């Protein structure tokens, strides 16, 4: 008998795992100069990096498939959502 051990995780565990991966991705891109936070020199004051991004840029990234996004119906309205900084935005 083959004993197949599988770990079962819940959605909160998965979100935590994705959050860690996203943070690593963002920090790597900052180090490589692909992302430029507006507070790169004094980020330690706020304890986080901050980015200035326009709606036009977000839409462009979604169309270029650089930013994962999905569309769903919510309260009878079709809404487009994108994943930015580990949170779903509309």
N, C-alpha and C. Protein backbone atom coordinates (compact mmCIF):
# COMPACT_ATOMS: atom_id res chain seq x y z
N UNK A 1 0.84 -1.19 0.00
CA UNK A 1 0.00 0.00 0.00
C UNK A 1 0.89 1.25 0.00
N UNK A 2 0.64 2.10 -0.94
CA UNK A 2 1.38 3.36 -1.01
C UNK A 2 0.67 4.39 -0.15
N UNK A 3 1.42 4.98 0.75
CA UNK A 3 0.85 5.98 1.64
C UNK A 3 1.10 7.36 1.05
N UNK A 4 0.07 8.00 0.58
CA UNK A 4 0.19 9.30 -0.07
C UNK A 4 -0.15 10.40 0.94
N UNK A 5 0.89 11.03 1.49
CA UNK A 5 0.67 12.11 2.46
C UNK A 5 0.51 13.43 1.72
N UNK A 6 -0.62 14.05 1.91
CA UNK A 6 -0.87 15.36 1.30
C UNK A 6 -1.27 16.33 2.39
N UNK A 7 -0.78 17.52 2.27
CA UNK A 7 -1.12 18.56 3.22
C UNK A 7 -2.33 19.32 2.69
N UNK A 8 -3.32 19.46 3.52
CA UNK A 8 -4.51 20.23 3.15
C UNK A 8 -4.38 21.61 3.75
N UNK A 9 -4.53 22.63 2.89
CA UNK A 9 -4.43 24.01 3.37
C UNK A 9 -5.74 24.73 3.08
N UNK A 10 -5.99 25.75 3.86
CA UNK A 10 -7.20 26.55 3.63
C UNK A 10 -6.86 27.81 2.85
N UNK A 11 -7.85 28.59 2.53
CA UNK A 11 -7.63 29.77 1.69
C UNK A 11 -6.72 30.79 2.36
N UNK A 12 -6.81 30.92 3.69
CA UNK A 12 -5.94 31.87 4.38
C UNK A 12 -4.47 31.45 4.24
N UNK A 13 -4.20 30.13 4.34
CA UNK A 13 -2.83 29.65 4.15
C UNK A 13 -2.34 29.95 2.75
N UNK A 14 -3.18 29.75 1.75
CA UNK A 14 -2.80 30.00 0.36
C UNK A 14 -2.53 31.48 0.13
N UNK A 15 -3.38 32.33 0.70
CA UNK A 15 -3.18 33.78 0.57
C UNK A 15 -1.85 34.18 1.21
N UNK A 16 -1.54 33.62 2.37
CA UNK A 16 -0.26 33.91 3.02
C UNK A 16 0.91 33.49 2.15
N UNK A 17 0.82 32.29 1.55
CA UNK A 17 1.89 31.80 0.69
C UNK A 17 2.06 32.70 -0.53
N UNK A 18 0.96 33.12 -1.15
CA UNK A 18 1.03 33.99 -2.31
C UNK A 18 1.57 35.36 -1.94
N UNK A 19 1.21 35.83 -0.75
CA UNK A 19 1.69 37.13 -0.29
C UNK A 19 3.21 37.13 -0.15
N UNK A 20 3.76 36.04 0.39
CA UNK A 20 5.21 35.93 0.53
C UNK A 20 5.88 35.93 -0.83
N UNK A 21 5.32 35.17 -1.78
CA UNK A 21 5.89 35.12 -3.13
C UNK A 21 5.81 36.48 -3.81
N UNK A 22 4.69 37.18 -3.64
CA UNK A 22 4.52 38.49 -4.26
C UNK A 22 5.51 39.49 -3.68
N UNK A 23 5.70 39.47 -2.36
CA UNK A 23 6.67 40.37 -1.73
C UNK A 23 8.07 40.12 -2.26
N UNK A 24 8.45 38.84 -2.38
CA UNK A 24 9.78 38.50 -2.89
C UNK A 24 9.92 39.02 -4.33
N UNK A 25 8.89 38.84 -5.14
CA UNK A 25 8.88 39.31 -6.52
C UNK A 25 9.06 40.83 -6.57
N UNK A 26 8.33 41.55 -5.74
CA UNK A 26 8.40 43.02 -5.73
C UNK A 26 9.78 43.49 -5.28
N UNK A 27 10.31 42.92 -4.20
CA UNK A 27 11.63 43.33 -3.72
C UNK A 27 12.72 43.03 -4.75
N UNK A 28 12.61 41.90 -5.44
CA UNK A 28 13.58 41.57 -6.48
C UNK A 28 13.52 42.60 -7.60
N UNK A 29 12.30 42.99 -8.02
CA UNK A 29 12.15 43.98 -9.08
C UNK A 29 12.66 45.35 -8.65
N UNK A 30 12.51 45.70 -7.39
CA UNK A 30 13.05 46.98 -6.90
C UNK A 30 14.58 46.95 -6.97
N UNK A 31 15.19 45.85 -6.53
CA UNK A 31 16.65 45.73 -6.58
C UNK A 31 17.18 45.77 -8.01
N UNK A 32 16.41 45.20 -8.96
CA UNK A 32 16.83 45.18 -10.36
C UNK A 32 16.51 46.48 -11.09
N UNK A 33 15.80 47.40 -10.43
CA UNK A 33 15.44 48.67 -11.04
C UNK A 33 14.24 48.59 -11.96
N UNK A 34 13.51 47.48 -11.94
CA UNK A 34 12.32 47.34 -12.78
C UNK A 34 11.11 48.00 -12.14
N UNK A 35 11.13 48.16 -10.83
CA UNK A 35 10.09 48.89 -10.09
C UNK A 35 10.78 50.01 -9.34
N UNK A 36 10.18 51.19 -9.37
CA UNK A 36 10.76 52.35 -8.69
C UNK A 36 9.75 52.95 -7.73
N UNK A 37 9.89 52.63 -6.44
CA UNK A 37 8.99 53.24 -5.45
C UNK A 37 9.26 54.74 -5.32
N UNK A 38 8.19 55.48 -5.02
CA UNK A 38 8.35 56.93 -4.88
C UNK A 38 9.10 57.29 -3.60
N UNK A 39 9.17 56.35 -2.67
CA UNK A 39 9.89 56.61 -1.41
C UNK A 39 11.08 55.66 -1.24
N UNK A 40 11.79 55.39 -2.33
CA UNK A 40 12.89 54.42 -2.30
C UNK A 40 13.98 54.81 -1.30
N UNK A 41 14.27 56.09 -1.18
CA UNK A 41 15.35 56.53 -0.29
C UNK A 41 14.94 56.57 1.19
N UNK A 42 13.67 56.79 1.47
CA UNK A 42 13.25 56.90 2.87
C UNK A 42 12.08 55.97 3.22
N UNK A 43 12.04 54.80 2.58
CA UNK A 43 10.96 53.84 2.81
C UNK A 43 10.91 53.38 4.27
N UNK A 44 12.05 53.40 4.95
CA UNK A 44 12.11 52.92 6.32
C UNK A 44 11.31 53.80 7.29
N UNK A 45 11.04 55.04 6.92
CA UNK A 45 10.24 55.93 7.77
C UNK A 45 8.81 55.40 7.86
N UNK A 46 8.22 55.04 6.73
CA UNK A 46 6.86 54.48 6.68
C UNK A 46 6.86 52.97 6.93
N UNK A 47 8.02 52.35 6.72
CA UNK A 47 8.10 50.91 6.89
C UNK A 47 7.58 50.12 5.70
N UNK A 48 7.46 50.80 4.55
CA UNK A 48 6.98 50.12 3.34
C UNK A 48 7.35 50.97 2.13
N UNK A 49 7.38 50.30 0.99
CA UNK A 49 7.56 50.99 -0.28
C UNK A 49 6.21 51.49 -0.77
N UNK A 50 6.21 52.63 -1.43
CA UNK A 50 4.99 53.19 -2.01
C UNK A 50 5.21 53.46 -3.49
N UNK A 51 4.16 53.22 -4.27
CA UNK A 51 4.25 53.38 -5.72
C UNK A 51 3.16 54.31 -6.21
N UNK A 52 3.49 55.14 -7.18
CA UNK A 52 2.53 56.03 -7.82
C UNK A 52 2.15 55.40 -9.15
N UNK A 53 0.91 54.96 -9.27
CA UNK A 53 0.48 54.28 -10.49
C UNK A 53 -0.91 54.80 -10.88
N UNK A 54 -1.07 55.09 -12.15
CA UNK A 54 -2.34 55.64 -12.63
C UNK A 54 -3.27 54.53 -13.09
N UNK A 55 -4.53 54.84 -13.19
CA UNK A 55 -5.53 53.90 -13.68
C UNK A 55 -5.19 53.50 -15.12
N UNK A 56 -4.72 54.44 -15.90
CA UNK A 56 -4.33 54.17 -17.29
C UNK A 56 -3.23 53.12 -17.34
N UNK A 57 -2.25 53.26 -16.46
CA UNK A 57 -1.15 52.30 -16.41
C UNK A 57 -1.65 50.92 -16.00
N UNK A 58 -2.52 50.86 -15.01
CA UNK A 58 -3.08 49.58 -14.58
C UNK A 58 -3.81 48.92 -15.73
N UNK A 59 -4.67 49.66 -16.42
CA UNK A 59 -5.41 49.11 -17.57
C UNK A 59 -4.46 48.64 -18.67
N UNK A 60 -3.39 49.39 -18.91
CA UNK A 60 -2.40 49.00 -19.92
C UNK A 60 -1.73 47.69 -19.53
N UNK A 61 -1.35 47.56 -18.26
CA UNK A 61 -0.71 46.33 -17.79
C UNK A 61 -1.65 45.13 -17.87
N UNK A 62 -2.93 45.35 -17.60
CA UNK A 62 -3.91 44.27 -17.72
C UNK A 62 -4.02 43.83 -19.17
N UNK A 63 -4.13 44.79 -20.09
CA UNK A 63 -4.24 44.46 -21.52
C UNK A 63 -2.99 43.75 -22.04
N UNK A 64 -1.82 44.12 -21.52
CA UNK A 64 -0.56 43.49 -21.93
C UNK A 64 -0.31 42.18 -21.17
N UNK A 65 -1.24 41.82 -20.31
CA UNK A 65 -1.15 40.61 -19.48
C UNK A 65 0.06 40.62 -18.56
N UNK A 66 0.50 41.82 -18.18
CA UNK A 66 1.57 41.96 -17.19
C UNK A 66 1.00 41.95 -15.78
N UNK A 67 -0.28 42.27 -15.66
CA UNK A 67 -0.98 42.30 -14.38
C UNK A 67 -2.15 41.33 -14.46
N UNK A 68 -2.13 40.27 -13.64
CA UNK A 68 -3.25 39.33 -13.68
C UNK A 68 -4.55 40.02 -13.30
N UNK A 69 -5.61 39.72 -14.00
CA UNK A 69 -6.90 40.33 -13.73
C UNK A 69 -8.01 39.34 -14.10
N UNK A 70 -9.17 39.54 -13.51
CA UNK A 70 -10.32 38.71 -13.84
C UNK A 70 -11.57 39.57 -13.77
N UNK A 71 -12.59 39.13 -14.46
CA UNK A 71 -13.85 39.87 -14.49
C UNK A 71 -14.92 38.98 -13.92
N UNK A 72 -15.77 39.56 -13.07
CA UNK A 72 -16.86 38.80 -12.48
C UNK A 72 -18.05 39.72 -12.23
N UNK A 73 -19.18 39.11 -12.01
CA UNK A 73 -20.37 39.89 -11.72
C UNK A 73 -20.51 40.04 -10.21
N UNK A 74 -20.73 41.26 -9.78
CA UNK A 74 -20.92 41.56 -8.36
C UNK A 74 -22.11 42.50 -8.24
N UNK A 75 -23.12 42.07 -7.53
CA UNK A 75 -24.35 42.83 -7.35
C UNK A 75 -24.92 43.30 -8.69
N UNK A 76 -24.91 42.39 -9.67
CA UNK A 76 -25.50 42.66 -10.96
C UNK A 76 -24.64 43.50 -11.90
N UNK A 77 -23.42 43.82 -11.49
CA UNK A 77 -22.54 44.65 -12.32
C UNK A 77 -21.27 43.85 -12.64
N UNK A 78 -20.87 43.85 -13.91
CA UNK A 78 -19.60 43.23 -14.29
C UNK A 78 -18.47 44.14 -13.86
N UNK A 79 -17.52 43.60 -13.11
CA UNK A 79 -16.40 44.40 -12.64
C UNK A 79 -15.11 43.71 -13.02
N UNK A 80 -14.11 44.50 -13.35
CA UNK A 80 -12.79 44.01 -13.66
C UNK A 80 -11.92 44.21 -12.42
N UNK A 81 -11.22 43.15 -12.03
CA UNK A 81 -10.38 43.21 -10.84
C UNK A 81 -8.95 42.89 -11.24
N UNK A 82 -8.00 43.54 -10.59
CA UNK A 82 -6.58 43.25 -10.78
C UNK A 82 -5.92 42.99 -9.46
N UNK A 83 -4.82 42.30 -9.50
CA UNK A 83 -4.07 41.99 -8.29
C UNK A 83 -2.91 42.96 -8.19
N UNK A 84 -2.96 43.82 -7.17
CA UNK A 84 -1.88 44.78 -6.95
C UNK A 84 -1.48 44.73 -5.48
N UNK A 85 -0.19 44.55 -5.24
CA UNK A 85 0.37 44.53 -3.88
C UNK A 85 -0.38 43.54 -3.00
N UNK A 86 -0.78 42.40 -3.57
CA UNK A 86 -1.39 41.35 -2.77
C UNK A 86 -2.83 41.59 -2.42
N UNK A 87 -3.47 42.62 -2.97
CA UNK A 87 -4.87 42.87 -2.69
C UNK A 87 -5.63 42.96 -4.00
N UNK A 88 -6.88 42.61 -3.95
CA UNK A 88 -7.74 42.72 -5.13
C UNK A 88 -8.26 44.15 -5.20
N UNK A 89 -8.10 44.79 -6.35
CA UNK A 89 -8.59 46.16 -6.53
C UNK A 89 -9.56 46.20 -7.69
N UNK A 90 -10.49 47.13 -7.61
CA UNK A 90 -11.49 47.28 -8.70
C UNK A 90 -11.26 48.58 -9.41
